Amino acid sequence: MGRAFEYRKAAKFARWDKMAKQFSRIGKEIAMAVKEGGPDPDSNPALRRAMQNAKGVNMPKDNVERAIKKASGADAEVYDEITFEGYAPHGIGIFVECTTNNNNRTVANVRAIFNKVGGNLGKNGELAFMFDRKGVFTVEKENVKIDAEELELELIDGGAEKIEEEGDLLFIYSEFEDFGSLSHKLDELGIEVKNAELKRIPNITKVLSLEETKEILDVIDRFEQDDDVQNVYSTMEVTPELEKELEQ
């Protein structure tokens, strides 16, 4: 069938892997939200947000309902949120967020990845100064029914500190402390959110060569393949020029 078929097959498997990972991440997000605030999204903002995120990655409604039901049962798995900080090669800081039902397994896996790539696992808090924790809301422009100036004023009133446009999407940023109030403001405005999450955005970044960038992207991919890993952040900056080279 030739190389074209093999390429399409590889691309399809990569999409399936990414989708499975997204569903697993959202499933854990739902489980933790139900544990903290109950199974009713009307009275549980965290669950409501998780369900919005599920919709944003096209997670089937049946999967969402099963996840809520499972998390509500007496035999529901209990997850802990733990974080890891360390350095990858070339002095790049790495922050890893995990959700796990087995801390020992997760610690061992994360340490093994750092060791395997020639990095080193640091102490909690060691790299925290390199990242700002921000709320990030992703909205499709077509879901916004008010004019841009009014929207900006309303969102600033709700705690937004920055609004960025990229294609058909709006990215709305808030301070960590204003995440809840901005979520409420978007609900109040009737704006459907495609995705809402707390991210760690690097305030210190480093630009590497093309080969070094590929090496760090491989490190990030190794972490992301671990089932316990929810998010991976780094201090590596990928410039537009590097992006073009990576796409070739």
C-alpha atoms as a PDB file:
ATOM      1  CA  MET A   1       0.000   0.000   0.000  1.00  0.00           C
ATOM      2  CA  GLY A   2       3.076   2.238   0.143  1.00  0.00           C
ATOM      3  CA  ARG A   3       4.362   5.059   2.256  1.00  0.00           C
ATOM      4  CA  ALA A   4       1.277   7.270   1.879  1.00  0.00           C
ATOM      5  CA  PHE A   5      -0.895   4.608   3.502  1.00  0.00           C
ATOM      6  CA  GLU A   6       1.627   4.074   6.304  1.00  0.00           C
ATOM      7  CA  TYR A   7       1.777   7.830   6.911  1.00  0.00           C
ATOM      8  CA  ARG A   8      -2.019   8.118   7.055  1.00  0.00           C
ATOM      9  CA  LYS A   9      -2.201   5.109   9.382  1.00  0.00           C
ATOM     10  CA  ALA A  10       0.460   6.591  11.680  1.00  0.00           C
ATOM     11  CA  ALA A  11      -1.339   9.957  11.703  1.00  0.00           C
ATOM     12  CA  LYS A  12      -4.649   8.241  12.545  1.00  0.00           C
ATOM     13  CA  PHE A  13      -3.089   6.305  15.444  1.00  0.00           C
ATOM     14  CA  ALA A  14      -1.482   9.520  16.712  1.00  0.00           C
ATOM     15  CA  ARG A  15      -4.902  11.247  16.700  1.00  0.00           C
ATOM     16  CA  TRP A  16      -6.464   8.292  18.517  1.00  0.00           C
ATOM     17  CA  ASP A  17      -3.683   8.331  21.129  1.00  0.00           C
ATOM     18  CA  LYS A  18      -4.152  12.063  21.656  1.00  0.00           C
ATOM     19  CA  MET A  19      -7.928  11.655  21.936  1.00  0.00           C
ATOM     20  CA  ALA A  20      -7.584   8.809  24.438  1.00  0.00           C
ATOM     21  CA  LYS A  21      -5.209  10.914  26.514  1.00  0.00           C
ATOM     22  CA  GLN A  22      -7.601  13.880  26.448  1.00  0.00           C
ATOM     23  CA  PHE A  23     -10.537  11.695  27.497  1.00  0.00           C
ATOM     24  CA  SER A  24      -8.486  10.211  30.337  1.00  0.00           C
ATOM     25  CA  ARG A  25      -7.455  13.681  31.528  1.00  0.00           C
ATOM     26  CA  ILE A  26     -11.046  14.954  31.443  1.00  0.00           C
ATOM     27  CA  GLY A  27     -12.268  11.778  33.180  1.00  0.00           C
ATOM     28  CA  LYS A  28      -9.944  12.458  36.104  1.00  0.00           C
ATOM     29  CA  GLU A  29     -10.977  16.117  36.132  1.00  0.00           C
ATOM     30  CA  ILE A  30     -14.621  15.007  36.376  1.00  0.00           C
ATOM     31  CA  ALA A  31     -13.817  12.493  39.138  1.00  0.00           C
ATOM     32  CA  MET A  32     -12.063  15.094  41.273  1.00  0.00           C
ATOM     33  CA  ALA A  33     -14.803  17.660  40.697  1.00  0.00           C
ATOM     34  CA  VAL A  34     -17.514  15.175  41.749  1.00  0.00           C
ATOM     35  CA  LYS A  35     -15.525  14.184  44.831  1.00  0.00           C
ATOM     36  CA  GLU A  36     -15.151  17.827  45.902  1.00  0.00           C
ATOM     37  CA  GLY A  37     -18.575  19.219  44.994  1.00  0.00           C
ATOM     38  CA  GLY A  38     -21.002  16.408  44.151  1.00  0.00           C
ATOM     39  CA  PRO A  39     -22.511  15.123  40.885  1.00  0.00           C
ATOM     40  CA  ASP A  40     -24.857  18.030  40.117  1.00  0.00           C
ATOM     41  CA  PRO A  41     -23.254  20.479  37.653  1.00  0.00           C
ATOM     42  CA  ASP A  42     -25.816  23.171  38.554  1.00  0.00           C
ATOM     43  CA  SER A  43     -24.341  23.421  42.039  1.00  0.00           C
ATOM     44  CA  ASN A  44     -20.776  22.358  41.217  1.00  0.00           C
ATOM     45  CA  PRO A  45     -18.830  24.921  39.126  1.00  0.00           C
ATOM     46  CA  ALA A  46     -15.773  22.641  38.865  1.00  0.00           C
ATOM     47  CA  LEU A  47     -17.880  19.847  37.386  1.00  0.00           C
ATOM     48  CA  ARG A  48     -19.575  22.298  35.041  1.00  0.00           C
ATOM     49  CA  ARG A  49     -16.149  23.418  33.838  1.00  0.00           C
ATOM     50  CA  ALA A  50     -14.978  19.821  33.387  1.00  0.00           C
ATOM     51  CA  MET A  51     -18.082  19.065  31.326  1.00  0.00           C
ATOM     52  CA  GLN A  52     -17.387  22.125  29.158  1.00  0.00           C
ATOM     53  CA  ASN A  53     -13.842  20.882  28.623  1.00  0.00           C
ATOM     54  CA  ALA A  54     -15.191  17.445  27.698  1.00  0.00           C
ATOM     55  CA  LYS A  55     -17.388  19.051  25.070  1.00  0.00           C
ATOM     56  CA  GLY A  56     -14.396  21.027  23.797  1.00  0.00           C
ATOM     57  CA  VAL A  57     -12.488  17.814  22.973  1.00  0.00           C
ATOM     58  CA  ASN A  58     -15.602  16.088  21.553  1.00  0.00           C
ATOM     59  CA  MET A  59     -15.819  13.575  24.395  1.00  0.00           C
ATOM     60  CA  PRO A  60     -19.095  11.651  23.883  1.00  0.00           C
ATOM     61  CA  LYS A  61     -21.920  12.533  26.258  1.00  0.00           C
ATOM     62  CA  ASP A  62     -22.220   8.858  27.300  1.00  0.00           C
ATOM     63  CA  ASN A  63     -18.575   8.884  28.405  1.00  0.00           C
ATOM     64  CA  VAL A  64     -19.157  12.011  30.486  1.00  0.00           C
ATOM     65  CA  GLU A  65     -22.263  10.556  32.152  1.00  0.00           C
ATOM     66  CA  ARG A  66     -20.425   7.289  32.907  1.00  0.00           C
ATOM     67  CA  ALA A  67     -17.522   9.222  34.435  1.00  0.00           C
ATOM     68  CA  ILE A  68     -19.898  11.178  36.699  1.00  0.00           C
ATOM     69  CA  LYS A  69     -21.764   8.022  37.721  1.00  0.00           C
ATOM     70  CA  LYS A  70     -18.521   6.156  38.415  1.00  0.00           C
ATOM     71  CA  ALA A  71     -17.139   9.048  40.471  1.00  0.00           C
ATOM     72  CA  SER A  72     -20.375   9.157  42.497  1.00  0.00           C
ATOM     73  CA  GLY A  73     -20.235   5.477  43.487  1.00  0.00           C
ATOM     74  CA  ALA A  74     -19.001   4.018  46.736  1.00  0.00           C
ATOM     75  CA  ASP A  75     -16.109   2.295  44.926  1.00  0.00           C
ATOM     76  CA  ALA A  76     -14.956   5.466  43.138  1.00  0.00           C
ATOM     77  CA  GLU A  77     -11.211   5.827  42.741  1.00  0.00           C
ATOM     78  CA  VAL A  78      -9.559   8.505  44.853  1.00  0.00           C
ATOM     79  CA  TYR A  79      -7.106  10.734  43.012  1.00  0.00           C
ATOM     80  CA  ASP A  80      -4.442  13.036  44.388  1.00  0.00           C
ATOM     81  CA  GLU A  81      -2.931  16.014  42.581  1.00  0.00           C
ATOM     82  CA  ILE A  82       0.861  16.133  42.813  1.00  0.00           C
ATOM     83  CA  THR A  83       3.446  18.230  41.003  1.00  0.00           C
ATOM     84  CA  PHE A  84       7.101  17.760  40.073  1.00  0.00           C
ATOM     85  CA  GLU A  85       9.768  20.254  39.107  1.00  0.00           C
ATOM     86  CA  GLY A  86      13.115  19.665  37.492  1.00  0.00           C
ATOM     87  CA  TYR A  87      15.501  20.419  34.681  1.00  0.00           C
ATOM     88  CA  ALA A  88      15.690  18.868  31.241  1.00  0.00           C
ATOM     89  CA  PRO A  89      18.862  19.159  29.119  1.00  0.00           C
ATOM     90  CA  HIS A  90      20.066  22.632  28.014  1.00  0.00           C
ATOM     91  CA  GLY A  91      18.878  24.230  31.261  1.00  0.00           C
ATOM     92  CA  ILE A  92      15.176  24.032  30.431  1.00  0.00           C
ATOM     93  CA  GLY A  93      12.867  24.067  33.456  1.00  0.00           C
ATOM     94  CA  ILE A  94      10.087  21.467  33.469  1.00  0.00           C
ATOM     95  CA  PHE A  95       6.934  21.580  35.621  1.00  0.00           C
ATOM     96  CA  VAL A  96       4.795  18.412  35.623  1.00  0.00           C
ATOM     97  CA  GLU A  97       1.241  18.225  37.006  1.00  0.00           C
ATOM     98  CA  CYS A  98      -0.133  14.762  37.791  1.00  0.00           C
ATOM     99  CA  THR A  99      -3.396  13.254  38.961  1.00  0.00           C
ATOM    100  CA  THR A 100      -2.842   9.808  40.413  1.00  0.00           C
ATOM    101  CA  ASN A 101      -4.312   6.999  42.498  1.00  0.00           C
ATOM    102  CA  ASN A 102      -0.832   5.656  43.279  1.00  0.00           C
ATOM    103  CA  ASN A 103       1.718   8.253  44.390  1.00  0.00           C
ATOM    104  CA  ASN A 104       4.629   5.811  44.580  1.00  0.00           C
ATOM    105  CA  ARG A 105       4.120   4.716  40.969  1.00  0.00           C
ATOM    106  CA  THR A 106       3.903   8.298  39.736  1.00  0.00           C
ATOM    107  CA  VAL A 107       7.010   9.462  41.610  1.00  0.00           C
ATOM    108  CA  ALA A 108       9.000   6.506  40.241  1.00  0.00           C
ATOM    109  CA  ASN A 109       7.814   7.086  36.662  1.00  0.00           C
ATOM    110  CA  VAL A 110       8.530  10.813  36.658  1.00  0.00           C
ATOM    111  CA  ARG A 111      11.972  10.343  38.220  1.00  0.00           C
ATOM    112  CA  ALA A 112      12.779   7.642  35.665  1.00  0.00           C
ATOM    113  CA  ILE A 113      11.928   9.967  32.758  1.00  0.00           C
ATOM    114  CA  PHE A 114      14.109  12.775  34.140  1.00  0.00           C
ATOM    115  CA  ASN A 115      16.987  10.302  34.580  1.00  0.00           C
ATOM    116  CA  LYS A 116      16.530   8.737  31.140  1.00  0.00           C
ATOM    117  CA  VAL A 117      16.728  12.066  29.292  1.00  0.00           C
ATOM    118  CA  GLY A 118      19.739  13.318  31.244  1.00  0.00           C
ATOM    119  CA  GLY A 119      17.757  15.766  33.358  1.00  0.00           C
ATOM    120  CA  ASN A 120      17.263  15.921  37.087  1.00  0.00           C
ATOM    121  CA  LEU A 121      14.244  16.014  39.385  1.00  0.00           C
ATOM    122  CA  GLY A 122      14.306  18.947  41.800  1.00  0.00           C
ATOM    123  CA  LYS A 123      12.527  19.794  45.022  1.00  0.00           C
ATOM    124  CA  ASN A 124       8.952  21.118  45.141  1.00  0.00           C
ATOM    125  CA  GLY A 125       8.982  24.892  44.914  1.00  0.00           C
ATOM    126  CA  GLU A 126      12.415  25.030  43.315  1.00  0.00           C
ATOM    127  CA  LEU A 127      11.147  26.221  39.930  1.00  0.00           C
ATOM    128  CA  ALA A 128       7.854  27.822  40.975  1.00  0.00           C
ATOM    129  CA  PHE A 129       9.288  31.328  40.494  1.00  0.00           C
ATOM    130  CA  MET A 130       9.761  30.585  36.772  1.00  0.00           C
ATOM    131  CA  PHE A 131       6.020  30.182  36.144  1.00  0.00           C
ATOM    132  CA  ASP A 132       2.941  32.343  36.709  1.00  0.00           C
ATOM    133  CA  ARG A 133      -0.271  30.451  37.347  1.00  0.00           C
ATOM    134  CA  LYS A 134      -3.022  31.893  35.178  1.00  0.00           C
ATOM    135  CA  GLY A 135      -6.607  31.099  34.311  1.00  0.00           C
ATOM    136  CA  VAL A 136      -7.010  30.564  30.555  1.00  0.00           C
ATOM    137  CA  PHE A 137     -10.426  30.459  28.893  1.00  0.00           C
ATOM    138  CA  THR A 138     -10.761  29.480  25.232  1.00  0.00           C
ATOM    139  CA  VAL A 139     -13.823  30.836  23.423  1.00  0.00           C
ATOM    140  CA  GLU A 140     -14.905  30.497  19.812  1.00  0.00           C
ATOM    141  CA  LYS A 141     -15.563  33.955  18.356  1.00  0.00           C
ATOM    142  CA  GLU A 142     -18.855  32.815  16.834  1.00  0.00           C
ATOM    143  CA  ASN A 143     -20.199  32.229  20.363  1.00  0.00           C
ATOM    144  CA  VAL A 144     -19.703  35.885  21.306  1.00  0.00           C
ATOM    145  CA  LYS A 145     -22.798  37.967  20.545  1.00  0.00           C
ATOM    146  CA  ILE A 146     -21.688  41.343  21.952  1.00  0.00           C
ATOM    147  CA  ASP A 147     -19.337  43.856  20.340  1.00  0.00           C
ATOM    148  CA  ALA A 148     -15.614  43.757  21.081  1.00  0.00           C
ATOM    149  CA  GLU A 149     -15.459  46.949  23.177  1.00  0.00           C
ATOM    150  CA  GLU A 150     -18.360  45.946  25.431  1.00  0.00           C
ATOM    151  CA  LEU A 151     -16.931  42.433  25.737  1.00  0.00           C
ATOM    152  CA  GLU A 152     -13.552  43.757  26.830  1.00  0.00           C
ATOM    153  CA  LEU A 153     -15.104  46.009  29.494  1.00  0.00           C
ATOM    154  CA  GLU A 154     -17.310  43.191  30.817  1.00  0.00           C
ATOM    155  CA  LEU A 155     -14.423  40.730  30.968  1.00  0.00           C
ATOM    156  CA  ILE A 156     -12.096  43.189  32.691  1.00  0.00           C
ATOM    157  CA  ASP A 157     -14.862  43.732  35.240  1.00  0.00           C
ATOM    158  CA  GLY A 158     -14.926  39.945  35.728  1.00  0.00           C
ATOM    159  CA  GLY A 159     -11.181  39.692  36.310  1.00  0.00           C
ATOM    160  CA  ALA A 160      -9.668  39.327  32.825  1.00  0.00           C
ATOM    161  CA  GLU A 161      -6.161  40.741  32.482  1.00  0.00           C
ATOM    162  CA  LYS A 162      -5.519  39.969  28.810  1.00  0.00           C
ATOM    163  CA  ILE A 163      -7.459  38.904  25.709  1.00  0.00           C
ATOM    164  CA  GLU A 164      -5.695  37.405  22.682  1.00  0.00           C
ATOM    165  CA  GLU A 165      -7.097  36.508  19.269  1.00  0.00           C
ATOM    166  CA  GLU A 166      -5.848  33.573  17.232  1.00  0.00           C
ATOM    167  CA  GLY A 167      -7.823  32.616  14.156  1.00  0.00           C
ATOM    168  CA  ASP A 168     -11.401  31.827  15.168  1.00  0.00           C
ATOM    169  CA  LEU A 169     -10.546  31.691  18.878  1.00  0.00           C
ATOM    170  CA  LEU A 170     -10.274  34.099  21.787  1.00  0.00           C
ATOM    171  CA  PHE A 171      -7.924  33.326  24.674  1.00  0.00           C
ATOM    172  CA  ILE A 172      -8.884  35.142  27.858  1.00  0.00           C
ATOM    173  CA  TYR A 173      -6.366  35.248  30.722  1.00  0.00           C
ATOM    174  CA  SER A 174      -6.905  35.943  34.403  1.00  0.00           C
ATOM    175  CA  GLU A 175      -4.909  35.855  37.600  1.00  0.00           C
ATOM    176  CA  PHE A 176      -5.184  32.585  39.514  1.00  0.00           C
ATOM    177  CA  GLU A 177      -7.331  34.288  42.170  1.00  0.00           C
ATOM    178  CA  ASP A 178      -9.786  35.639  39.567  1.00  0.00           C
ATOM    179  CA  PHE A 179     -10.389  32.325  37.782  1.00  0.00           C
ATOM    180  CA  GLY A 180     -13.733  31.690  39.505  1.00  0.00           C
ATOM    181  CA  SER A 181     -15.065  35.217  39.066  1.00  0.00           C
ATOM    182  CA  LEU A 182     -14.168  35.299  35.366  1.00  0.00           C
ATOM    183  CA  SER A 183     -15.812  31.897  34.856  1.00  0.00           C
ATOM    184  CA  HIS A 184     -18.939  33.296  36.496  1.00  0.00           C
ATOM    185  CA  LYS A 185     -18.814  36.424  34.307  1.00  0.00           C
ATOM    186  CA  LEU A 186     -18.630  34.338  31.106  1.00  0.00           C
ATOM    187  CA  ASP A 187     -21.646  32.315  32.318  1.00  0.00           C
ATOM    188  CA  GLU A 188     -23.456  35.566  33.077  1.00  0.00           C
ATOM    189  CA  LEU A 189     -22.762  36.850  29.548  1.00  0.00           C
ATOM    190  CA  GLY A 190     -24.051  33.601  28.049  1.00  0.00           C
ATOM    191  CA  ILE A 191     -20.693  32.885  26.377  1.00  0.00           C
ATOM    192  CA  GLU A 192     -20.008  29.198  25.889  1.00  0.00           C
ATOM    193  CA  VAL A 193     -16.445  28.278  26.859  1.00  0.00           C
ATOM    194  CA  LYS A 194     -14.616  25.699  24.747  1.00  0.00           C
ATOM    195  CA  ASN A 195     -11.964  25.090  27.400  1.00  0.00           C
ATOM    196  CA  ALA A 196     -11.137  26.521  30.827  1.00  0.00           C
ATOM    197  CA  GLU A 197      -8.078  25.620  32.843  1.00  0.00           C
ATOM    198  CA  LEU A 198      -5.379  26.859  35.147  1.00  0.00           C
ATOM    199  CA  LYS A 199      -2.034  26.955  33.356  1.00  0.00           C
ATOM    200  CA  ARG A 200       1.524  27.650  34.403  1.00  0.00           C
ATOM    201  CA  ILE A 201       2.944  30.200  31.990  1.00  0.00           C
ATOM    202  CA  PRO A 202       6.731  30.668  32.006  1.00  0.00           C
ATOM    203  CA  ASN A 203       7.995  34.147  32.846  1.00  0.00           C
ATOM    204  CA  ILE A 204      11.602  33.122  32.095  1.00  0.00           C
ATOM    205  CA  THR A 205      12.178  31.488  28.716  1.00  0.00           C
ATOM    206  CA  LYS A 206      15.085  30.233  26.655  1.00  0.00           C
ATOM    207  CA  VAL A 207      15.375  29.849  22.869  1.00  0.00           C
ATOM    208  CA  LEU A 208      17.271  26.767  21.685  1.00  0.00           C
ATOM    209  CA  SER A 209      18.577  25.548  18.348  1.00  0.00           C
ATOM    210  CA  LEU A 210      16.335  23.439  16.124  1.00  0.00           C
ATOM    211  CA  GLU A 211      17.922  20.151  17.209  1.00  0.00           C
ATOM    212  CA  GLU A 212      17.855  21.129  20.888  1.00  0.00           C
ATOM    213  CA  THR A 213      14.198  22.158  20.544  1.00  0.00           C
ATOM    214  CA  LYS A 214      13.346  18.752  19.041  1.00  0.00           C
ATOM    215  CA  GLU A 215      15.134  17.100  21.960  1.00  0.00           C
ATOM    216  CA  ILE A 216      13.070  18.998  24.545  1.00  0.00           C
ATOM    217  CA  LEU A 217       9.830  18.347  22.640  1.00  0.00           C
ATOM    218  CA  ASP A 218      10.695  14.649  22.846  1.00  0.00           C
ATOM    219  CA  VAL A 219      11.218  15.002  26.617  1.00  0.00           C
ATOM    220  CA  ILE A 220       7.804  16.678  26.967  1.00  0.00           C
ATOM    221  CA  ASP A 221       6.223  13.933  24.859  1.00  0.00           C
ATOM    222  CA  ARG A 222       7.707  11.254  27.145  1.00  0.00           C
ATOM    223  CA  PHE A 223       6.050  12.869  30.150  1.00  0.00           C
ATOM    224  CA  GLU A 224       2.743  13.357  28.352  1.00  0.00           C
ATOM    225  CA  GLN A 225       2.604   9.664  27.424  1.00  0.00           C
ATOM    226  CA  ASP A 226       2.446   8.735  31.118  1.00  0.00           C
ATOM    227  CA  ASP A 227      -1.174   8.085  32.154  1.00  0.00           C
ATOM    228  CA  ASP A 228      -0.757   9.953  35.448  1.00  0.00           C
ATOM    229  CA  VAL A 229       0.496  13.154  33.822  1.00  0.00           C
ATOM    230  CA  GLN A 230      -2.134  15.839  33.230  1.00  0.00           C
ATOM    231  CA  ASN A 231      -0.001  18.778  32.054  1.00  0.00           C
ATOM    232  CA  VAL A 232       3.636  19.536  31.264  1.00  0.00           C
ATOM    233  CA  TYR A 233       5.059  23.060  31.143  1.00  0.00           C
ATOM    234  CA  SER A 234       8.548  24.174  30.163  1.00  0.00           C
ATOM    235  CA  THR A 235      10.636  27.336  29.976  1.00  0.00           C
ATOM    236  CA  MET A 236      11.572  26.637  26.348  1.00  0.00           C
ATOM    237  CA  GLU A 237      10.441  29.306  23.888  1.00  0.00           C
ATOM    238  CA  VAL A 238       9.520  28.174  20.376  1.00  0.00           C
ATOM    239  CA  THR A 239       9.862  31.182  18.092  1.00  0.00           C
ATOM    240  CA  PRO A 240       7.774  31.532  14.885  1.00  0.00           C
ATOM    241  CA  GLU A 241      10.943  30.797  12.903  1.00  0.00           C
ATOM    242  CA  LEU A 242      11.505  27.556  14.830  1.00  0.00           C
ATOM    243  CA  GLU A 243       7.852  26.622  14.370  1.00  0.00           C
ATOM    244  CA  LYS A 244       8.241  26.840  10.608  1.00  0.00           C
ATOM    245  CA  GLU A 245      11.400  24.713  10.698  1.00  0.00           C
ATOM    246  CA  LEU A 246       9.664  22.100  12.879  1.00  0.00           C
ATOM    247  CA  GLU A 247       6.779  21.857  10.408  1.00  0.00           C
ATOM    248  CA  GLN A 248       9.105  21.067   7.492  1.00  0.00           C
END
